[in-house]
Protein backbone atom coordinates (compact mmCIF):
# COMPACT_ATOMS: atom_id res chain seq x y z
CA MET A 1 -10.22 -17.99 -27.51
CA ALA A 2 -11.11 -19.96 -30.66
CA ARG A 3 -12.17 -18.09 -33.78
CA PRO A 4 -15.97 -18.42 -34.29
CA GLY A 5 -17.23 -20.19 -37.39
CA ILE A 6 -19.85 -18.97 -39.83
CA VAL A 7 -22.01 -22.09 -39.43
CA GLN A 8 -22.08 -21.75 -35.64
CA ARG A 9 -23.11 -18.13 -35.96
CA LEU A 10 -25.87 -19.04 -38.41
CA ILE A 11 -27.22 -21.72 -36.06
CA GLN A 12 -27.44 -19.16 -33.25
CA GLN A 13 -29.05 -16.57 -35.51
CA HIS A 14 -31.62 -19.08 -36.78
CA ALA A 15 -32.56 -20.05 -33.23
CA GLU A 16 -33.12 -16.40 -32.35
CA LEU A 17 -35.22 -15.82 -35.48
CA ASN A 18 -37.31 -18.86 -34.62
CA ARG A 19 -37.85 -17.56 -31.08
CA GLN A 20 -39.15 -14.28 -32.49
CA SER A 21 -41.40 -15.92 -35.15
CA LEU A 22 -39.18 -14.41 -37.86
CA VAL A 23 -38.01 -17.51 -39.75
CA ARG A 24 -38.82 -17.35 -43.48
CA ARG A 25 -39.72 -20.49 -45.43
CA LEU A 26 -39.94 -20.96 -49.16
CA ARG A 27 -43.37 -21.81 -50.56
CA LEU A 28 -43.28 -23.91 -53.73
CA VAL A 29 -45.87 -22.75 -56.25
CA GLU A 30 -46.49 -25.80 -58.41
CA GLN A 31 -48.78 -24.07 -60.89
CA ARG A 32 -50.20 -20.61 -61.39
CA ASP A 33 -53.19 -19.48 -63.41
CA GLY A 34 -54.01 -15.81 -63.01
CA VAL A 35 -54.95 -15.27 -59.37
CA ARG A 36 -55.04 -19.00 -58.64
CA ALA A 37 -51.93 -20.76 -57.35
CA ARG A 38 -51.45 -24.47 -56.64
CA VAL A 39 -49.41 -25.15 -53.49
CA LYS A 40 -48.92 -28.72 -52.17
CA GLY A 41 -51.63 -29.89 -54.53
CA VAL A 42 -54.17 -27.37 -53.22
CA GLU A 43 -55.53 -24.48 -55.30
CA LEU A 44 -55.35 -21.18 -53.42
CA LEU A 45 -56.88 -17.81 -54.25
CA ASN A 46 -53.81 -15.58 -54.42
CA PHE A 47 -53.90 -12.16 -52.75
CA CYS A 48 -50.15 -11.57 -52.41
CA SER A 49 -48.97 -11.26 -56.02
CA ASN A 50 -47.69 -7.98 -57.50
CA ASP A 51 -49.36 -8.76 -60.85
CA TYR A 52 -51.67 -5.78 -60.32
CA LEU A 53 -52.94 -5.48 -63.90
CA GLY A 54 -53.08 -9.23 -64.53
CA LEU A 55 -50.64 -9.09 -67.45
CA ALA A 56 -48.27 -11.90 -66.44
CA ASP A 57 -50.33 -14.49 -68.36
CA HIS A 58 -51.61 -12.24 -71.14
CA VAL A 59 -51.45 -14.07 -74.47
CA GLU A 60 -49.81 -11.11 -76.25
CA VAL A 61 -47.16 -10.67 -73.57
CA VAL A 62 -46.32 -14.38 -73.52
CA GLY A 63 -46.37 -14.43 -77.33
CA ALA A 64 -43.90 -11.53 -77.49
CA LEU A 65 -41.61 -13.40 -75.08
CA GLN A 66 -41.73 -16.57 -77.18
CA GLU A 67 -41.24 -14.81 -80.50
CA ALA A 68 -38.31 -12.74 -79.26
CA ALA A 69 -36.68 -15.81 -77.71
CA ALA A 70 -36.98 -17.60 -81.05
CA HIS A 71 -35.23 -14.71 -82.82
CA HIS A 72 -32.71 -13.56 -80.18
CA GLY A 73 -32.08 -16.69 -78.12
CA LEU A 74 -32.08 -17.15 -74.36
CA GLY A 75 -29.83 -14.37 -73.08
CA ALA A 76 -28.17 -11.10 -74.03
CA THR A 77 -24.75 -12.89 -73.81
CA ALA A 78 -22.94 -9.81 -72.46
CA SER A 79 -23.33 -6.52 -70.62
CA HIS A 80 -24.97 -3.64 -72.44
CA LEU A 81 -21.65 -1.88 -72.99
CA VAL A 82 -19.93 -4.91 -74.53
CA CYS A 83 -22.33 -6.52 -77.01
CA GLY A 84 -25.45 -7.14 -74.94
CA HIS A 85 -27.55 -4.16 -75.99
CA HIS A 86 -30.05 -5.63 -78.45
CA ARG A 87 -32.81 -4.22 -80.59
CA GLU A 88 -35.44 -5.26 -78.05
CA HIS A 89 -33.70 -3.31 -75.27
CA GLN A 90 -33.68 -0.19 -77.41
CA ALA A 91 -37.33 -0.67 -78.36
CA LEU A 92 -38.26 -0.95 -74.69
CA GLU A 93 -36.33 2.20 -73.81
CA ASP A 94 -37.98 4.06 -76.70
CA ALA A 95 -41.43 2.93 -75.54
CA VAL A 96 -40.84 4.18 -71.99
CA GLU A 97 -39.51 7.51 -73.25
CA GLU A 98 -42.64 8.03 -75.34
CA TRP A 99 -45.03 6.83 -72.62
CA LEU A 100 -43.61 8.93 -69.78
CA GLY A 101 -42.40 11.86 -71.89
CA TYR A 102 -38.73 11.65 -70.88
CA PRO A 103 -35.88 12.39 -73.30
CA ARG A 104 -33.94 9.22 -72.49
CA ALA A 105 -34.27 5.84 -70.78
CA LEU A 106 -31.97 3.00 -69.74
CA CYS A 107 -32.80 -0.68 -69.34
CA PHE A 108 -31.74 -2.68 -66.26
CA GLY A 109 -31.95 -6.30 -65.20
CA SER A 110 -34.02 -5.39 -62.13
CA GLY A 111 -35.24 -2.46 -60.08
CA TYR A 112 -32.78 -3.42 -57.36
CA LEU A 113 -29.87 -3.10 -59.79
CA ALA A 114 -31.21 0.19 -61.10
CA ASN A 115 -31.35 1.71 -57.62
CA LEU A 116 -27.80 0.58 -56.87
CA ALA A 117 -26.70 2.06 -60.19
CA VAL A 118 -28.36 5.45 -59.80
CA ILE A 119 -27.16 6.29 -56.29
CA GLN A 120 -23.64 4.90 -56.74
CA SER A 121 -23.04 6.65 -60.06
CA LEU A 122 -24.44 10.06 -59.13
CA LEU A 123 -23.45 10.41 -55.46
CA GLY A 124 -20.23 9.88 -53.53
CA ARG A 125 -18.36 10.88 -50.39
CA GLY A 126 -19.26 14.39 -49.24
CA ASP A 127 -22.69 14.22 -50.94
CA ILE A 128 -26.01 13.56 -49.21
CA CYS A 129 -29.00 11.37 -50.00
CA VAL A 130 -32.15 12.58 -48.25
CA ALA A 131 -34.42 9.56 -48.03
CA ASP A 132 -37.76 8.43 -46.60
CA LYS A 133 -37.31 6.05 -43.65
CA LEU A 134 -39.61 3.50 -45.33
CA ASN A 135 -37.77 3.42 -48.66
CA HIS A 136 -37.19 0.05 -50.27
CA ALA A 137 -34.16 -1.94 -49.12
CA SER A 138 -32.47 -1.44 -52.49
CA LEU A 139 -32.35 2.32 -51.98
CA ILE A 140 -30.87 1.83 -48.50
CA ASP A 141 -28.23 -0.54 -49.89
CA ALA A 142 -27.51 1.88 -52.72
CA VAL A 143 -26.57 4.67 -50.31
CA GLN A 144 -24.16 2.35 -48.52
CA LEU A 145 -22.55 1.44 -51.85
CA ALA A 146 -22.21 5.09 -52.85
CA GLY A 147 -20.52 6.11 -49.59
CA CYS A 148 -22.54 9.30 -49.34
CA GLU A 149 -24.23 10.50 -46.15
CA HIS A 150 -27.63 8.94 -45.58
CA LYS A 151 -30.04 11.53 -44.15
CA ARG A 152 -33.36 9.86 -43.44
CA TYR A 153 -36.58 11.70 -42.64
CA PRO A 154 -39.77 10.40 -40.96
CA HIS A 155 -42.10 8.63 -43.35
CA ALA A 156 -43.77 11.00 -45.84
CA ASP A 157 -42.67 14.03 -43.78
CA PHE A 158 -41.61 16.67 -46.30
CA GLU A 159 -40.79 19.09 -43.48
CA GLY A 160 -38.39 16.47 -42.15
CA ALA A 161 -36.88 16.23 -45.63
CA LEU A 162 -36.39 19.99 -45.64
CA ARG A 163 -34.62 19.90 -42.28
CA GLN A 164 -32.25 17.24 -43.58
CA LEU A 165 -31.49 19.29 -46.68
CA LYS A 166 -30.91 22.43 -44.61
CA SER A 167 -28.50 20.56 -42.33
CA SER A 168 -25.97 20.26 -45.19
CA PRO A 169 -26.56 23.37 -47.30
CA GLU A 170 -23.35 23.10 -49.34
CA ALA A 171 -23.45 19.38 -50.14
CA LEU A 172 -24.57 18.02 -53.48
CA ALA A 173 -27.97 16.47 -52.69
CA MET A 174 -30.49 13.95 -53.96
CA ILE A 175 -33.96 13.27 -52.56
CA ALA A 176 -34.75 9.57 -53.05
CA THR A 177 -38.16 8.08 -52.37
CA ASP A 178 -40.52 5.30 -53.30
CA GLY A 179 -43.51 6.58 -55.23
CA VAL A 180 -45.82 3.99 -53.66
CA PHE A 181 -44.48 2.36 -50.51
CA SER A 182 -44.51 -1.39 -50.97
CA MET A 183 -45.49 -2.43 -47.45
CA ASP A 184 -47.84 0.46 -46.57
CA GLY A 185 -49.39 1.12 -49.98
CA ASP A 186 -49.45 4.88 -49.44
CA LEU A 187 -47.99 7.60 -51.65
CA ALA A 188 -44.97 9.81 -51.19
CA PRO A 189 -45.74 13.57 -50.99
CA LEU A 190 -44.11 14.08 -54.36
CA LYS A 191 -45.51 17.52 -55.07
CA MET A 192 -43.97 18.92 -51.89
CA LEU A 193 -40.74 16.99 -52.36
CA ALA A 194 -40.45 18.42 -55.87
CA LEU A 195 -40.82 21.94 -54.48
CA LEU A 196 -38.13 21.23 -51.90
CA ALA A 197 -35.82 19.82 -54.54
CA ARG A 198 -36.22 22.89 -56.69
CA ALA A 199 -35.76 25.30 -53.78
CA GLU A 200 -32.67 23.49 -52.46
CA ASN A 201 -31.11 22.61 -55.84
CA ALA A 202 -31.45 18.87 -55.16
CA THR A 203 -32.27 16.11 -57.63
CA LEU A 204 -35.52 14.20 -56.99
CA TYR A 205 -35.38 10.47 -57.74
CA VAL A 206 -38.58 8.38 -57.58
CA ASP A 207 -38.58 4.59 -57.48
CA ASP A 208 -42.07 3.96 -58.86
CA ALA A 209 -42.02 0.17 -58.78
CA HIS A 210 -45.54 -0.08 -57.34
CA GLY A 211 -47.05 3.01 -58.97
CA ALA A 212 -46.12 2.67 -62.64
CA GLY A 213 -48.97 1.25 -64.68
CA VAL A 214 -51.40 1.46 -61.75
CA ILE A 215 -52.07 5.12 -60.89
CA GLY A 216 -51.92 8.47 -62.66
CA PRO A 217 -53.16 9.52 -66.11
CA HIS A 218 -52.61 6.69 -68.59
CA GLY A 219 -51.04 4.71 -65.76
CA ARG A 220 -47.93 6.90 -65.84
CA GLY A 221 -47.45 6.44 -62.13
CA SER A 222 -46.94 8.44 -58.96
CA ALA A 223 -45.32 11.50 -60.51
CA ALA A 224 -48.09 11.92 -63.06
CA TYR A 225 -50.69 11.34 -60.32
CA ALA A 226 -49.14 14.29 -58.47
CA GLY A 227 -49.23 16.40 -61.64
CA LEU A 228 -45.46 16.28 -62.08
CA GLY A 229 -43.34 15.65 -65.15
CA PRO A 230 -39.71 15.19 -66.18
CA ARG A 231 -38.77 18.72 -65.12
CA GLU A 232 -39.90 18.18 -61.52
CA VAL A 233 -38.91 14.49 -61.32
CA PRO A 234 -35.72 14.25 -63.38
CA LEU A 235 -35.21 10.56 -62.54
CA ASN A 236 -38.10 8.09 -62.56
CA LEU A 237 -37.77 4.31 -62.24
CA VAL A 238 -40.29 1.93 -63.82
CA THR A 239 -40.02 -1.75 -62.93
CA LEU A 240 -41.49 -4.49 -65.11
CA GLY A 241 -42.00 -7.10 -62.38
CA LYS A 242 -45.07 -5.54 -60.76
CA ALA A 243 -47.98 -4.12 -62.80
CA PHE A 244 -46.43 -5.33 -66.07
CA GLY A 245 -46.09 -8.93 -64.94
CA GLY A 246 -42.54 -9.55 -66.15
CA TYR A 247 -39.00 -8.79 -65.06
CA GLY A 248 -36.54 -5.96 -65.47
CA ALA A 249 -36.61 -2.19 -65.06
CA VAL A 250 -36.26 1.01 -67.06
CA LEU A 251 -34.83 4.24 -65.70
CA ALA A 252 -36.21 7.39 -67.34
CA GLY A 253 -34.50 10.72 -67.00
CA SER A 254 -32.79 13.68 -68.57
CA THR A 255 -30.16 13.08 -71.22
CA GLU A 256 -27.38 14.25 -68.90
CA LEU A 257 -28.43 12.13 -65.92
CA ILE A 258 -28.96 8.96 -67.93
CA GLU A 259 -25.61 9.40 -69.65
CA GLY A 260 -23.99 9.85 -66.25
CA VAL A 261 -25.48 6.58 -65.01
CA LEU A 262 -24.48 4.75 -68.20
CA GLN A 263 -20.89 5.92 -67.98
CA SER A 264 -20.18 5.16 -64.32
CA ALA A 265 -22.73 2.79 -62.78
CA ARG A 266 -21.04 -0.44 -61.73
CA ALA A 267 -24.42 -2.22 -61.50
CA TYR A 268 -24.94 -1.41 -65.21
CA ARG A 269 -21.45 -1.89 -66.55
CA TYR A 270 -20.50 -5.15 -64.86
CA THR A 271 -23.54 -7.39 -65.31
CA THR A 272 -25.15 -9.23 -68.20
CA ALA A 273 -28.03 -7.35 -69.79
CA LEU A 274 -31.66 -8.38 -69.34
CA PRO A 275 -32.62 -11.18 -71.79
CA PRO A 276 -33.97 -9.52 -74.95
CA ALA A 277 -37.12 -11.65 -74.83
CA LEU A 278 -38.01 -10.20 -71.42
CA ALA A 279 -37.48 -6.69 -72.80
CA ALA A 280 -39.86 -7.50 -75.66
CA ALA A 281 -42.48 -8.83 -73.26
CA GLY A 282 -42.13 -5.74 -71.08
CA ARG A 283 -42.62 -3.43 -74.03
CA VAL A 284 -45.81 -5.22 -75.09
CA ALA A 285 -47.11 -5.21 -71.50
CA ILE A 286 -46.60 -1.44 -71.24
CA GLY A 287 -48.55 -1.00 -74.46
CA LEU A 288 -51.39 -3.18 -73.22
CA ALA A 289 -51.55 -1.31 -69.93
CA GLN A 290 -52.16 1.89 -71.88
CA LYS A 291 -54.63 0.34 -74.31
CA GLU A 292 -56.67 -1.83 -71.96
CA THR A 293 -57.70 0.91 -69.56
CA TRP A 294 -60.40 -1.31 -68.05
CA ARG A 295 -57.69 -3.02 -66.01
CA ARG A 296 -56.92 0.13 -64.01
CA PHE A 297 -60.59 1.03 -63.67
CA LYS A 298 -61.50 -2.44 -62.42
CA LEU A 299 -58.57 -2.43 -60.01
CA THR A 300 -59.71 0.90 -58.58
CA ALA A 301 -63.22 -0.49 -58.09
CA LEU A 302 -61.88 -3.59 -56.33
CA VAL A 303 -59.75 -1.47 -54.01
CA SER A 304 -62.82 0.57 -53.07
CA ARG A 305 -64.89 -2.57 -52.51
CA PHE A 306 -62.24 -4.10 -50.28
CA ARG A 307 -61.80 -0.94 -48.22
CA ARG A 308 -65.56 -0.49 -47.72
CA GLY A 309 -65.92 -4.08 -46.59
CA ALA A 310 -62.88 -3.96 -44.32
CA GLN A 311 -64.14 -0.79 -42.64
CA GLN A 312 -67.57 -2.33 -42.09
CA LEU A 313 -65.92 -5.33 -40.43
CA GLY A 314 -63.70 -3.14 -38.28
CA LEU A 315 -60.51 -4.62 -39.70
CA PRO A 316 -57.23 -2.76 -38.90
CA LEU A 317 -56.94 -1.19 -42.33
CA MET A 318 -54.05 1.14 -43.15
CA GLU A 319 -54.41 4.22 -45.37
CA SER A 320 -53.88 3.29 -49.03
CA LEU A 321 -55.60 3.99 -52.34
CA THR A 322 -53.41 1.51 -54.22
CA PRO A 323 -53.76 -2.26 -54.76
CA ILE A 324 -51.55 -2.75 -51.68
CA GLN A 325 -53.98 -3.00 -48.75
CA PRO A 326 -52.16 -3.86 -45.50
CA LEU A 327 -53.99 -5.00 -42.38
CA LEU A 328 -51.93 -4.08 -39.32
CA VAL A 329 -51.70 -6.98 -36.83
CA GLY A 330 -48.76 -5.95 -34.66
CA GLY A 331 -47.14 -9.13 -33.34
CA ASN A 332 -45.27 -11.60 -35.50
CA SER A 333 -46.90 -14.80 -34.27
CA ALA A 334 -50.38 -13.27 -34.61
CA ALA A 335 -49.65 -12.31 -38.22
CA LEU A 336 -48.40 -15.83 -38.93
CA PHE A 337 -51.53 -17.28 -37.29
CA ALA A 338 -53.78 -15.18 -39.53
CA ALA A 339 -51.86 -16.14 -42.68
CA ARG A 340 -52.02 -19.86 -41.78
CA GLU A 341 -55.76 -19.65 -41.09
CA LEU A 342 -56.33 -17.95 -44.44
CA GLU A 343 -54.38 -20.68 -46.20
CA LYS A 344 -56.50 -23.35 -44.50
CA ARG A 345 -59.51 -21.62 -46.07
CA GLY A 346 -57.90 -21.60 -49.52
CA ILE A 347 -56.60 -18.02 -49.56
CA LEU A 348 -52.98 -16.97 -49.92
CA VAL A 349 -51.94 -13.78 -48.10
CA THR A 350 -48.41 -13.19 -46.83
CA ALA A 351 -47.58 -12.24 -43.25
CA ILE A 352 -45.05 -9.40 -43.42
CA ARG A 353 -42.71 -9.16 -40.43
CA PRO A 354 -39.54 -7.30 -39.38
CA PRO A 355 -37.09 -6.35 -40.73
CA THR A 356 -39.29 -5.74 -43.79
CA VAL A 357 -41.54 -3.60 -41.58
CA PRO A 358 -40.75 -1.90 -38.23
CA GLU A 359 -40.84 -3.95 -35.05
CA GLY A 360 -44.32 -4.34 -33.61
CA ARG A 361 -45.96 -3.57 -36.97
CA ALA A 362 -46.33 -7.01 -38.55
CA ARG A 363 -49.20 -7.18 -41.00
CA LEU A 364 -51.11 -9.06 -43.62
CA ARG A 365 -50.28 -7.52 -46.98
CA VAL A 366 -53.31 -7.93 -49.23
CA ALA A 367 -52.50 -7.26 -52.90
CA LEU A 368 -55.34 -6.91 -55.39
CA SER A 369 -55.25 -7.69 -59.11
CA ALA A 370 -57.46 -6.77 -62.03
CA LEU A 371 -57.99 -10.52 -62.45
CA HIS A 372 -59.80 -10.78 -59.10
CA GLY A 373 -63.57 -10.74 -59.19
CA GLU A 374 -65.95 -9.05 -56.78
CA GLY A 375 -66.79 -12.50 -55.40
CA ASP A 376 -63.10 -13.12 -54.69
CA VAL A 377 -62.87 -9.91 -52.67
CA ASP A 378 -66.07 -10.70 -50.78
CA ARG A 379 -64.79 -14.18 -49.97
CA LEU A 380 -61.53 -12.74 -48.63
CA LEU A 381 -63.39 -10.22 -46.49
CA SER A 382 -65.68 -12.88 -45.04
CA VAL A 383 -62.76 -15.09 -44.00
CA LEU A 384 -60.77 -12.14 -42.64
CA GLY A 385 -63.73 -11.10 -40.52
CA GLU A 386 -63.90 -14.55 -38.92
CA ILE A 387 -60.16 -14.79 -38.34
CA PHE A 388 -59.76 -11.36 -36.75
CA GLN A 389 -62.53 -12.15 -34.27
CA ARG A 390 -60.37 -14.92 -32.81
CA LEU A 391 -56.91 -13.49 -33.43
CA PRO A 392 -54.68 -14.43 -30.49
CA SER A 393 -53.27 -11.65 -28.34
CA ASP A 394 -49.67 -11.03 -29.30
CA THR A 395 -47.76 -8.35 -27.49
CA GLU A 396 -44.29 -9.24 -28.76
CA LYS A 397 -42.35 -6.35 -30.22
CA ALA A 398 -39.85 -8.24 -32.34
């Protein structure tokens, strides 16, 4: 029997994806201005961006990027541990330490890299990672890299987390969870998870990519929203590509934990550091998020307006108090139909399908920004109401 080829396998896989309405296609954004995006020459009202606070185009953030690039050049030129740790990286780490109240912070090129780094450097064979079943893909990949045992519990089920911890009472343990779940928009039960971690001598790690800057006192994120601090959440990840409109990530934690990651994380040691100009822009964005509190207040008001309108229209709204407002459709082709109809009306909303979400739970993921106006939200609701009245039946489960 002849050895199969990679290309032949890919052709077969693509055909199967197409049959299940799961093929992904790149969309070229020709120009972006706040919550407006030009695609194929047409201006669309964008409701799928993660720029929750509307800082990606802020004149001070862009100015910090330009000024730092003029002084420090394009890239860091090396990994942090060689000669790539610049003044702007340190300033960003210092700013996060002060903002969140942690003793130490560490800059990463992305949240994905940070998650790989944390799990791989702190856990290994014989250890366990107790994790929410809806955690981000980067946390799932991180456990595979670490080689530890992956003990998953039902979504947001702290009793399930306790059972998983109790099943390996002698193993070194970490509880890893998203703070805000990116496809559902709901919050992890951090207060209960923190109690479990303390009772079972486990370390609680929170990936707060979608919570930092958006919720909690002073926008400090999910842990602060739950009334928790560095003692209860000893590792807290802030990403700069969501509410802060840029790119990169900062891990905040205890001195001992951060030093442990620095010394042994392959995803930190063996990659070029984040460009210093992006670190400078991130630092300024974090400062603006704290100073311009109106952005969070307006965002909260828009979320409430959208939810009230969606409920009045009988739309299949999921539970979420964050800017992530998913509308559960179910079938893949029905979700694609709704997204295409929205785009015909000048509105950009992404259809989210498996494997990003469980089979049979495809959805429209509406993401709100402080740059949206009340009229924008009302326009979206009006179009959604029309589309869902004629949504085709779609019983597929893949």
